[in-house]
C-alpha atoms as a PDB file:
ATOM      1  CA  MET A   1      26.151  15.921   7.090  1.00  0.00           C
ATOM      2  CA  ASP A   2      24.884  18.610   5.202  1.00  0.00           C
ATOM      3  CA  ASP A   3      21.431  19.189   3.621  1.00  0.00           C
ATOM      4  CA  SER A   4      22.514  17.179   0.396  1.00  0.00           C
ATOM      5  CA  GLU A   5      23.483  14.011   2.069  1.00  0.00           C
ATOM      6  CA  ASP A   6      20.459  14.850   4.738  1.00  0.00           C
ATOM      7  CA  SER A   7      17.717  15.040   2.168  1.00  0.00           C
ATOM      8  CA  GLN A   8      18.654  11.984   0.310  1.00  0.00           C
ATOM      9  CA  LYS A   9      17.945   9.956   3.370  1.00  0.00           C
ATOM     10  CA  LYS A  10      14.507  11.156   3.326  1.00  0.00           C
ATOM     11  CA  ILE A  11      11.808   9.320   2.750  1.00  0.00           C
ATOM     12  CA  GLY A  12       8.964  10.958   0.807  1.00  0.00           C
ATOM     13  CA  LEU A  13       5.423  10.692   1.721  1.00  0.00           C
ATOM     14  CA  LEU A  14       2.480  11.291  -0.274  1.00  0.00           C
ATOM     15  CA  GLY A  15      -1.287  11.381  -0.596  1.00  0.00           C
ATOM     16  CA  ILE A  16      -3.618  10.454  -3.048  1.00  0.00           C
ATOM     17  CA  ALA A  17      -7.588  11.298  -2.324  1.00  0.00           C
ATOM     18  CA  TYR A  18      -9.041   9.429  -4.853  1.00  0.00           C
ATOM     19  CA  ASP A  19     -11.560   6.864  -4.541  1.00  0.00           C
ATOM     20  CA  GLU A  20     -13.463   7.446  -7.267  1.00  0.00           C
ATOM     21  CA  LYS A  21     -13.452   3.771  -8.004  1.00  0.00           C
ATOM     22  CA  SER A  22     -14.651   2.001  -5.426  1.00  0.00           C
ATOM     23  CA  SER A  23     -17.208  -0.471  -5.451  1.00  0.00           C
ATOM     24  CA  PHE A  24     -18.908  -0.709  -2.406  1.00  0.00           C
ATOM     25  CA  MET A  25     -18.947   2.722  -0.336  1.00  0.00           C
ATOM     26  CA  ARG A  26     -17.018   6.223  -0.629  1.00  0.00           C
ATOM     27  CA  GLY A  27     -14.533   7.267   1.772  1.00  0.00           C
ATOM     28  CA  PRO A  28     -10.680   6.300   0.898  1.00  0.00           C
ATOM     29  CA  ALA A  29     -10.136   9.968  -0.344  1.00  0.00           C
ATOM     30  CA  GLU A  30     -10.763  11.377   3.139  1.00  0.00           C
ATOM     31  CA  ALA A  31      -7.886   8.330   4.485  1.00  0.00           C
ATOM     32  CA  PRO A  32      -4.435  10.453   3.797  1.00  0.00           C
ATOM     33  CA  ALA A  33      -5.843  13.100   6.537  1.00  0.00           C
ATOM     34  CA  ALA A  34      -6.830  10.963   8.794  1.00  0.00           C
ATOM     35  CA  ILE A  35      -3.454   8.708   8.649  1.00  0.00           C
ATOM     36  CA  ARG A  36      -1.175  12.391   9.440  1.00  0.00           C
ATOM     37  CA  ARG A  37      -3.559  13.344  12.155  1.00  0.00           C
ATOM     38  CA  ALA A  38      -2.853   9.686  13.582  1.00  0.00           C
ATOM     39  CA  PHE A  39       0.690   9.944  12.560  1.00  0.00           C
ATOM     40  CA  ALA A  40       1.162  13.726  14.476  1.00  0.00           C
ATOM     41  CA  SER A  41      -1.732  13.152  17.622  1.00  0.00           C
ATOM     42  CA  GLU A  42       0.290  13.327  21.412  1.00  0.00           C
ATOM     43  CA  SER A  43      -1.321   9.720  22.322  1.00  0.00           C
ATOM     44  CA  SER A  44       1.690   8.111  21.163  1.00  0.00           C
ATOM     45  CA  ASN A  45       5.262   8.986  19.475  1.00  0.00           C
ATOM     46  CA  GLN A  46       6.408   8.794  15.938  1.00  0.00           C
ATOM     47  CA  CYS A  47       8.654   5.714  16.423  1.00  0.00           C
ATOM     48  CA  ALA A  48       8.658   2.666  15.096  1.00  0.00           C
ATOM     49  CA  GLU A  49       9.363  -0.153  16.793  1.00  0.00           C
ATOM     50  CA  ASP A  50      13.193  -0.166  16.093  1.00  0.00           C
ATOM     51  CA  GLY A  51      13.587   2.936  17.626  1.00  0.00           C
ATOM     52  CA  LEU A  52      14.076   4.735  14.253  1.00  0.00           C
ATOM     53  CA  HIS A  53      12.163   8.374  15.121  1.00  0.00           C
ATOM     54  CA  ILE A  54      10.329   8.587  11.464  1.00  0.00           C
ATOM     55  CA  ALA A  55       9.649  12.105  11.560  1.00  0.00           C
ATOM     56  CA  SER A  56      13.230  12.618  11.023  1.00  0.00           C
ATOM     57  CA  VAL A  57      13.515  10.586   7.808  1.00  0.00           C
ATOM     58  CA  LEU A  58       9.965  11.140   6.481  1.00  0.00           C
ATOM     59  CA  ALA A  59       9.029  14.372   4.091  1.00  0.00           C
ATOM     60  CA  ASP A  60       5.553  15.406   3.390  1.00  0.00           C
ATOM     61  CA  GLY A  61       5.462  15.449  -0.053  1.00  0.00           C
ATOM     62  CA  GLY A  62       1.394  16.482   0.259  1.00  0.00           C
ATOM     63  CA  ASP A  63      -1.496  15.504  -1.379  1.00  0.00           C
ATOM     64  CA  LEU A  64      -2.774  14.804  -4.904  1.00  0.00           C
ATOM     65  CA  THR A  65      -6.194  16.126  -5.407  1.00  0.00           C
ATOM     66  CA  SER A  66      -7.012  16.883  -8.545  1.00  0.00           C
ATOM     67  CA  PHE A  67      -7.339  14.223 -11.116  1.00  0.00           C
ATOM     68  CA  THR A  68      -8.736  15.289 -14.429  1.00  0.00           C
ATOM     69  CA  PRO A  69      -8.976  14.922 -17.334  1.00  0.00           C
ATOM     70  CA  GLU A  70      -7.213  11.423 -16.626  1.00  0.00           C
ATOM     71  CA  PRO A  71      -7.330  10.075 -13.093  1.00  0.00           C
ATOM     72  CA  TRP A  72      -4.093   7.303 -14.297  1.00  0.00           C
ATOM     73  CA  LEU A  73      -1.950  10.297 -16.259  1.00  0.00           C
ATOM     74  CA  ARG A  74      -2.272  12.208 -13.236  1.00  0.00           C
ATOM     75  CA  ILE A  75      -1.557   9.748 -10.082  1.00  0.00           C
ATOM     76  CA  GLU A  76       1.311   9.234 -12.516  1.00  0.00           C
ATOM     77  CA  ASP A  77       2.886  12.113 -12.910  1.00  0.00           C
ATOM     78  CA  PHE A  78       2.523  13.126  -9.866  1.00  0.00           C
ATOM     79  CA  VAL A  79       4.773  10.254  -8.414  1.00  0.00           C
ATOM     80  CA  THR A  80       7.071  10.338 -11.238  1.00  0.00           C
ATOM     81  CA  GLN A  81       7.897  14.133 -10.354  1.00  0.00           C
ATOM     82  CA  LYS A  82       8.183  13.154  -6.450  1.00  0.00           C
ATOM     83  CA  MET A  83      10.677  10.251  -6.958  1.00  0.00           C
ATOM     84  CA  ALA A  84      12.580  13.160  -8.689  1.00  0.00           C
ATOM     85  CA  GLU A  85      12.620  14.476  -5.240  1.00  0.00           C
ATOM     86  CA  PHE A  86      12.593  11.860  -2.963  1.00  0.00           C
ATOM     87  CA  PRO A  87      14.697   8.648  -3.011  1.00  0.00           C
ATOM     88  CA  ARG A  88      12.131   5.961  -1.472  1.00  0.00           C
ATOM     89  CA  LEU A  89       8.341   6.996  -0.714  1.00  0.00           C
ATOM     90  CA  VAL A  90       5.277   6.289   0.855  1.00  0.00           C
ATOM     91  CA  ILE A  91       2.040   6.627  -0.695  1.00  0.00           C
ATOM     92  CA  LEU A  92      -1.032   6.882   1.493  1.00  0.00           C
ATOM     93  CA  GLY A  93      -4.598   6.285  -0.536  1.00  0.00           C
ATOM     94  CA  GLY A  94      -7.243   6.376  -1.137  1.00  0.00           C
ATOM     95  CA  ASP A  95      -8.649   3.036  -3.228  1.00  0.00           C
ATOM     96  CA  HIS A  96      -6.746   0.410  -4.401  1.00  0.00           C
ATOM     97  CA  SER A  97      -6.846   1.147  -7.679  1.00  0.00           C
ATOM     98  CA  ILE A  98      -4.516   4.174  -7.017  1.00  0.00           C
ATOM     99  CA  SER A  99      -1.916   1.150  -7.120  1.00  0.00           C
ATOM    100  CA  PHE A 100      -1.881   0.581 -11.349  1.00  0.00           C
ATOM    101  CA  ALA A 101      -0.851   3.982 -12.553  1.00  0.00           C
ATOM    102  CA  VAL A 102       1.825   4.144  -9.054  1.00  0.00           C
ATOM    103  CA  VAL A 103       3.431   1.328  -9.751  1.00  0.00           C
ATOM    104  CA  ARG A 104       3.892   2.217 -13.253  1.00  0.00           C
ATOM    105  CA  ALA A 105       5.625   5.484 -12.227  1.00  0.00           C
ATOM    106  CA  VAL A 106       8.103   3.408  -9.986  1.00  0.00           C
ATOM    107  CA  ALA A 107       8.819   0.595 -12.260  1.00  0.00           C
ATOM    108  CA  LYS A 108       9.815   3.553 -15.136  1.00  0.00           C
ATOM    109  CA  LYS A 109      12.492   3.884 -12.254  1.00  0.00           C
ATOM    110  CA  HIS A 110      13.462   0.925 -11.186  1.00  0.00           C
ATOM    111  CA  GLY A 111      12.343  -1.864 -13.910  1.00  0.00           C
ATOM    112  CA  ARG A 112      10.131  -4.929 -13.014  1.00  0.00           C
ATOM    113  CA  LEU A 113       9.175  -5.099  -9.558  1.00  0.00           C
ATOM    114  CA  ASN A 114       8.923  -7.578  -6.571  1.00  0.00           C
ATOM    115  CA  ILE A 115       5.488  -6.886  -5.199  1.00  0.00           C
ATOM    116  CA  ILE A 116       4.447  -7.836  -2.134  1.00  0.00           C
ATOM    117  CA  HIS A 117       0.773  -7.261  -1.295  1.00  0.00           C
ATOM    118  CA  LEU A 118      -1.254  -7.974   1.469  1.00  0.00           C
ATOM    119  CA  ASP A 119      -5.151  -8.165   1.365  1.00  0.00           C
ATOM    120  CA  ALA A 120      -8.226  -9.966   1.469  1.00  0.00           C
ATOM    121  CA  HIS A 121      -8.840  -9.606  -1.819  1.00  0.00           C
ATOM    122  CA  PRO A 122      -6.966 -10.676  -4.822  1.00  0.00           C
ATOM    123  CA  ASP A 123      -8.019  -7.644  -6.722  1.00  0.00           C
ATOM    124  CA  LEU A 124      -7.269  -9.308 -10.309  1.00  0.00           C
ATOM    125  CA  TYR A 125     -10.574  -9.410 -12.004  1.00  0.00           C
ATOM    126  CA  GLU A 126     -10.036  -8.581 -15.813  1.00  0.00           C
ATOM    127  CA  GLU A 127     -12.801  -6.491 -14.840  1.00  0.00           C
ATOM    128  CA  PHE A 128     -15.619  -5.387 -12.018  1.00  0.00           C
ATOM    129  CA  GLU A 129     -18.660  -4.229 -12.812  1.00  0.00           C
ATOM    130  CA  GLY A 130     -17.996  -3.394 -16.591  1.00  0.00           C
ATOM    131  CA  ASP A 131     -14.710  -1.201 -15.323  1.00  0.00           C
ATOM    132  CA  ARG A 132     -11.058  -2.670 -15.775  1.00  0.00           C
ATOM    133  CA  PHE A 133      -9.817   0.054 -13.465  1.00  0.00           C
ATOM    134  CA  SER A 134     -12.124  -0.647 -10.480  1.00  0.00           C
ATOM    135  CA  HIS A 135     -10.375  -0.675  -6.866  1.00  0.00           C
ATOM    136  CA  ALA A 136     -10.975  -4.713  -8.010  1.00  0.00           C
ATOM    137  CA  CYS A 137      -8.535  -4.725 -10.687  1.00  0.00           C
ATOM    138  CA  PRO A 138      -5.061  -2.950 -10.094  1.00  0.00           C
ATOM    139  CA  PHE A 139      -3.480  -6.538 -10.005  1.00  0.00           C
ATOM    140  CA  ALA A 140      -4.700  -7.655 -13.539  1.00  0.00           C
ATOM    141  CA  ARG A 141      -3.235  -4.134 -14.850  1.00  0.00           C
ATOM    142  CA  ILE A 142      -0.143  -4.233 -13.496  1.00  0.00           C
ATOM    143  CA  MET A 143       0.690  -8.017 -14.486  1.00  0.00           C
ATOM    144  CA  GLU A 144      -0.726  -7.535 -17.877  1.00  0.00           C
ATOM    145  CA  ALA A 145       1.681  -4.615 -18.130  1.00  0.00           C
ATOM    146  CA  GLY A 146       4.410  -6.458 -17.649  1.00  0.00           C
ATOM    147  CA  LEU A 147       5.449  -4.340 -14.173  1.00  0.00           C
ATOM    148  CA  ALA A 148       5.671  -7.096 -11.965  1.00  0.00           C
ATOM    149  CA  GLU A 149       9.094  -9.555 -11.517  1.00  0.00           C
ATOM    150  CA  ARG A 150       6.905 -11.519  -8.958  1.00  0.00           C
ATOM    151  CA  LEU A 151       3.052 -10.950  -7.109  1.00  0.00           C
ATOM    152  CA  LEU A 152       3.250 -12.370  -4.056  1.00  0.00           C
ATOM    153  CA  GLN A 153       0.087 -11.900  -2.381  1.00  0.00           C
ATOM    154  CA  ILE A 154      -0.706 -12.393   1.600  1.00  0.00           C
ATOM    155  CA  GLY A 155      -3.778 -12.855   3.390  1.00  0.00           C
ATOM    156  CA  ILE A 156      -6.242 -13.506   0.700  1.00  0.00           C
ATOM    157  CA  ARG A 157      -9.798 -15.122   1.565  1.00  0.00           C
ATOM    158  CA  THR A 158     -11.758 -14.043  -1.259  1.00  0.00           C
ATOM    159  CA  ALA A 159     -10.732 -15.719  -4.260  1.00  0.00           C
ATOM    160  CA  ASN A 160     -13.341 -16.842  -6.687  1.00  0.00           C
ATOM    161  CA  ALA A 161     -12.725 -19.121  -9.775  1.00  0.00           C
ATOM    162  CA  HIS A 162     -11.976 -16.065 -11.331  1.00  0.00           C
ATOM    163  CA  GLN A 163      -9.704 -14.513  -9.648  1.00  0.00           C
ATOM    164  CA  ARG A 164      -7.720 -17.967  -9.149  1.00  0.00           C
ATOM    165  CA  GLY A 165      -7.831 -18.352 -12.943  1.00  0.00           C
ATOM    166  CA  GLN A 166      -6.703 -15.041 -12.986  1.00  0.00           C
ATOM    167  CA  ALA A 167      -3.837 -15.818 -10.622  1.00  0.00           C
ATOM    168  CA  ALA A 168      -2.552 -19.139 -12.786  1.00  0.00           C
ATOM    169  CA  ARG A 169      -2.609 -17.486 -15.551  1.00  0.00           C
ATOM    170  CA  TYR A 170      -0.068 -14.670 -14.085  1.00  0.00           C
ATOM    171  CA  GLY A 171       1.997 -16.712 -12.077  1.00  0.00           C
ATOM    172  CA  VAL A 172       1.080 -14.478  -8.991  1.00  0.00           C
ATOM    173  CA  GLU A 173       1.748 -16.684  -5.617  1.00  0.00           C
ATOM    174  CA  THR A 174      -0.779 -16.781  -3.295  1.00  0.00           C
ATOM    175  CA  ILE A 175      -0.489 -17.470   0.774  1.00  0.00           C
ATOM    176  CA  GLU A 176      -4.156 -17.055   1.890  1.00  0.00           C
ATOM    177  CA  ALA A 177      -4.942 -16.008   5.389  1.00  0.00           C
ATOM    178  CA  ARG A 178      -5.659 -19.791   6.609  1.00  0.00           C
ATOM    179  CA  ASP A 179      -2.371 -20.900   5.415  1.00  0.00           C
ATOM    180  CA  TRP A 180       0.041 -17.383   6.617  1.00  0.00           C
ATOM    181  CA  THR A 181       2.514 -19.113   9.081  1.00  0.00           C
ATOM    182  CA  GLY A 182       4.330 -15.527   9.180  1.00  0.00           C
ATOM    183  CA  ARG A 183       7.083 -16.756   7.062  1.00  0.00           C
ATOM    184  CA  LEU A 184       7.607 -14.879   3.555  1.00  0.00           C
ATOM    185  CA  PRO A 185       9.583 -16.448   0.881  1.00  0.00           C
ATOM    186  CA  PRO A 186      13.063 -15.260  -0.589  1.00  0.00           C
ATOM    187  CA  LEU A 187      12.856 -11.982  -2.039  1.00  0.00           C
ATOM    188  CA  LYS A 188      14.835  -9.727  -4.092  1.00  0.00           C
ATOM    189  CA  GLY A 189      14.614  -6.182  -4.884  1.00  0.00           C
ATOM    190  CA  PRO A 190      13.667  -3.444  -6.158  1.00  0.00           C
ATOM    191  CA  ILE A 191      10.587  -4.638  -3.413  1.00  0.00           C
ATOM    192  CA  TYR A 192       7.046  -2.665  -3.638  1.00  0.00           C
ATOM    193  CA  VAL A 193       5.133  -3.226  -0.894  1.00  0.00           C
ATOM    194  CA  SER A 194       1.260  -2.797  -1.020  1.00  0.00           C
ATOM    195  CA  VAL A 195      -1.016  -2.969   2.156  1.00  0.00           C
ATOM    196  CA  ASP A 196      -4.497  -2.914   2.237  1.00  0.00           C
ATOM    197  CA  MET A 197      -6.038  -2.394   5.222  1.00  0.00           C
ATOM    198  CA  ASP A 198      -9.012  -4.592   5.298  1.00  0.00           C
ATOM    199  CA  VAL A 199      -6.038  -7.340   5.491  1.00  0.00           C
ATOM    200  CA  LEU A 200      -6.598  -7.079   8.965  1.00  0.00           C
ATOM    201  CA  ASP A 201      -9.700  -8.580  10.463  1.00  0.00           C
ATOM    202  CA  PRO A 202     -12.287  -6.350  10.978  1.00  0.00           C
ATOM    203  CA  ALA A 203     -11.813  -6.674  14.994  1.00  0.00           C
ATOM    204  CA  PHE A 204      -8.560  -4.838  14.406  1.00  0.00           C
ATOM    205  CA  ALA A 205      -9.905  -2.395  11.475  1.00  0.00           C
ATOM    206  CA  PRO A 206     -13.580  -1.608  11.094  1.00  0.00           C
ATOM    207  CA  GLY A 207     -12.636   1.342   9.673  1.00  0.00           C
ATOM    208  CA  VAL A 208     -12.779  -0.325   5.993  1.00  0.00           C
ATOM    209  CA  SER A 209     -15.687  -0.357   3.530  1.00  0.00           C
ATOM    210  CA  HIS A 210     -15.248  -4.261   2.707  1.00  0.00           C
ATOM    211  CA  HIS A 211     -15.409  -6.028   6.413  1.00  0.00           C
ATOM    212  CA  GLU A 212     -13.857  -9.419   5.557  1.00  0.00           C
ATOM    213  CA  PRO A 213     -13.481 -11.956   8.711  1.00  0.00           C
ATOM    214  CA  GLY A 214     -10.617 -14.597   9.257  1.00  0.00           C
ATOM    215  CA  GLY A 215      -7.668 -12.137   8.111  1.00  0.00           C
ATOM    216  CA  LEU A 216      -4.933 -11.016   9.718  1.00  0.00           C
ATOM    217  CA  SER A 217      -3.742  -9.411  13.279  1.00  0.00           C
ATOM    218  CA  THR A 218      -1.813  -6.005  13.290  1.00  0.00           C
ATOM    219  CA  ARG A 219       1.010  -8.057  14.695  1.00  0.00           C
ATOM    220  CA  GLU A 220       1.064 -10.836  11.471  1.00  0.00           C
ATOM    221  CA  VAL A 221       1.041  -7.505   9.610  1.00  0.00           C
ATOM    222  CA  ILE A 222       3.712  -5.671  11.210  1.00  0.00           C
ATOM    223  CA  HIS A 223       5.672  -8.778  11.446  1.00  0.00           C
ATOM    224  CA  ALA A 224       5.314  -9.203   7.872  1.00  0.00           C
ATOM    225  CA  ILE A 225       6.962  -5.790   6.658  1.00  0.00           C
ATOM    226  CA  GLN A 226       9.305  -5.900   9.360  1.00  0.00           C
ATOM    227  CA  SER A 227      11.063  -9.197   7.738  1.00  0.00           C
ATOM    228  CA  ILE A 228      11.417  -7.715   4.572  1.00  0.00           C
ATOM    229  CA  THR A 229      15.180  -7.342   4.010  1.00  0.00           C
ATOM    230  CA  ALA A 230      15.682  -7.088   0.284  1.00  0.00           C
ATOM    231  CA  PRO A 231      15.210  -3.512  -0.655  1.00  0.00           C
ATOM    232  CA  ILE A 232      12.224  -1.422  -0.842  1.00  0.00           C
ATOM    233  CA  VAL A 233      11.705   1.015  -3.379  1.00  0.00           C
ATOM    234  CA  ALA A 234       8.533   2.500  -2.269  1.00  0.00           C
ATOM    235  CA  ALA A 235       5.181   1.245  -0.689  1.00  0.00           C
ATOM    236  CA  ASP A 236       1.735   1.609  -0.710  1.00  0.00           C
ATOM    237  CA  LEU A 237      -1.282   1.507   2.171  1.00  0.00           C
ATOM    238  CA  VAL A 238      -4.846   1.881   0.796  1.00  0.00           C
ATOM    239  CA  GLU A 239      -8.324   1.399   1.853  1.00  0.00           C
ATOM    240  CA  LEU A 240      -8.644   2.801   5.347  1.00  0.00           C
ATOM    241  CA  ASN A 241     -11.982   4.414   5.100  1.00  0.00           C
ATOM    242  CA  PRO A 242     -12.551   6.927   8.006  1.00  0.00           C
ATOM    243  CA  ARG A 243     -16.533   6.751   7.626  1.00  0.00           C
ATOM    244  CA  ARG A 244     -16.908   3.403   9.378  1.00  0.00           C
ATOM    245  CA  ASP A 245     -13.834   3.840  11.599  1.00  0.00           C
ATOM    246  CA  ARG A 246     -14.561   4.022  15.448  1.00  0.00           C
ATOM    247  CA  ASP A 247     -12.174   6.131  17.768  1.00  0.00           C
ATOM    248  CA  ASP A 248      -9.901   6.216  15.185  1.00  0.00           C
ATOM    249  CA  VAL A 249      -8.648   2.454  15.848  1.00  0.00           C
ATOM    250  CA  THR A 250      -8.301   2.282  12.303  1.00  0.00           C
ATOM    251  CA  ALA A 251      -6.426   5.302  11.445  1.00  0.00           C
ATOM    252  CA  VAL A 252      -4.042   4.609  14.117  1.00  0.00           C
ATOM    253  CA  SER A 253      -3.364   1.367  13.112  1.00  0.00           C
ATOM    254  CA  ALA A 254      -2.300   2.832   9.458  1.00  0.00           C
ATOM    255  CA  ALA A 255      -0.123   5.388  10.957  1.00  0.00           C
ATOM    256  CA  LYS A 256       1.123   2.953  12.362  1.00  0.00           C
ATOM    257  CA  ILE A 257       1.716   0.745  10.020  1.00  0.00           C
ATOM    258  CA  MET A 258       3.286   3.997   7.597  1.00  0.00           C
ATOM    259  CA  ARG A 259       5.729   3.831  10.710  1.00  0.00           C
ATOM    260  CA  GLU A 260       7.135  -0.136  10.169  1.00  0.00           C
ATOM    261  CA  LEU A 261       6.569   0.486   6.068  1.00  0.00           C
ATOM    262  CA  ALA A 262       8.858   3.809   6.562  1.00  0.00           C
ATOM    263  CA  ALA A 263      11.175   1.725   8.989  1.00  0.00           C
ATOM    264  CA  ALA A 264      11.745  -0.964   6.780  1.00  0.00           C
ATOM    265  CA  ILE A 265      12.409   1.185   3.538  1.00  0.00           C
ATOM    266  CA  VAL A 266      15.138   2.489   5.823  1.00  0.00           C
ATOM    267  CA  ARG A 267      16.293  -0.719   7.272  1.00  0.00           C
ATOM    268  CA  SER A 268      16.391  -2.425   3.860  1.00  0.00           C
ATOM    269  CA  ASN A 269      18.643   0.288   1.699  1.00  0.00           C
END
């Protein structure tokens, strides 16, 4: 295989070190570095569960750390530039507000996306604390912009009346944590996967800003990712807060999920 063929097999790993839209506490901007450290740690190898050596398909595209003068345009331009270099992407946040700009960039290349969103929260607020671009709002912005053909949310356990109304308004499919059976409905590509680390029960992921009991196990999240067969074009992994982590438990879990996302991208394409 020549170098050009090898480069086309690479998945770009990007960091977006942004948490200025966090509503409760800061810290997720430190997550890309924490996940990379956990991935490189000698405490484990760099293989996914199917045996794929992730380092052989993952190319580090660096971090975005400057967000002036306008963060959403900076993020969108950064992702757009990296898509010219890498055919598929895994993006490490950052808080969940980054997903709007990332999805906007990915949809410019791939068209309307079928989004699988794993989270404790729907993130469908029309606005939160007066901010339409809060980390509690990205999927309202994505849906109103017409960037998604389909939005499937898994693990939700905090939906209030407003967010339930928003889900109905935008035709969002919701599988709440209490109803999750481990089975994904039939899906088609192009798929975008967004994993908020607080989809996990706090017992599995203490290093998040918003602890929400009653969540999924690490195995359930990994199984959901491994069950995706339609082509995945990009994924994000957000809301790890290293400041709240204990012995890097959540960072290690995030690195594990990152490996399985990368393997799912390879497998589905």
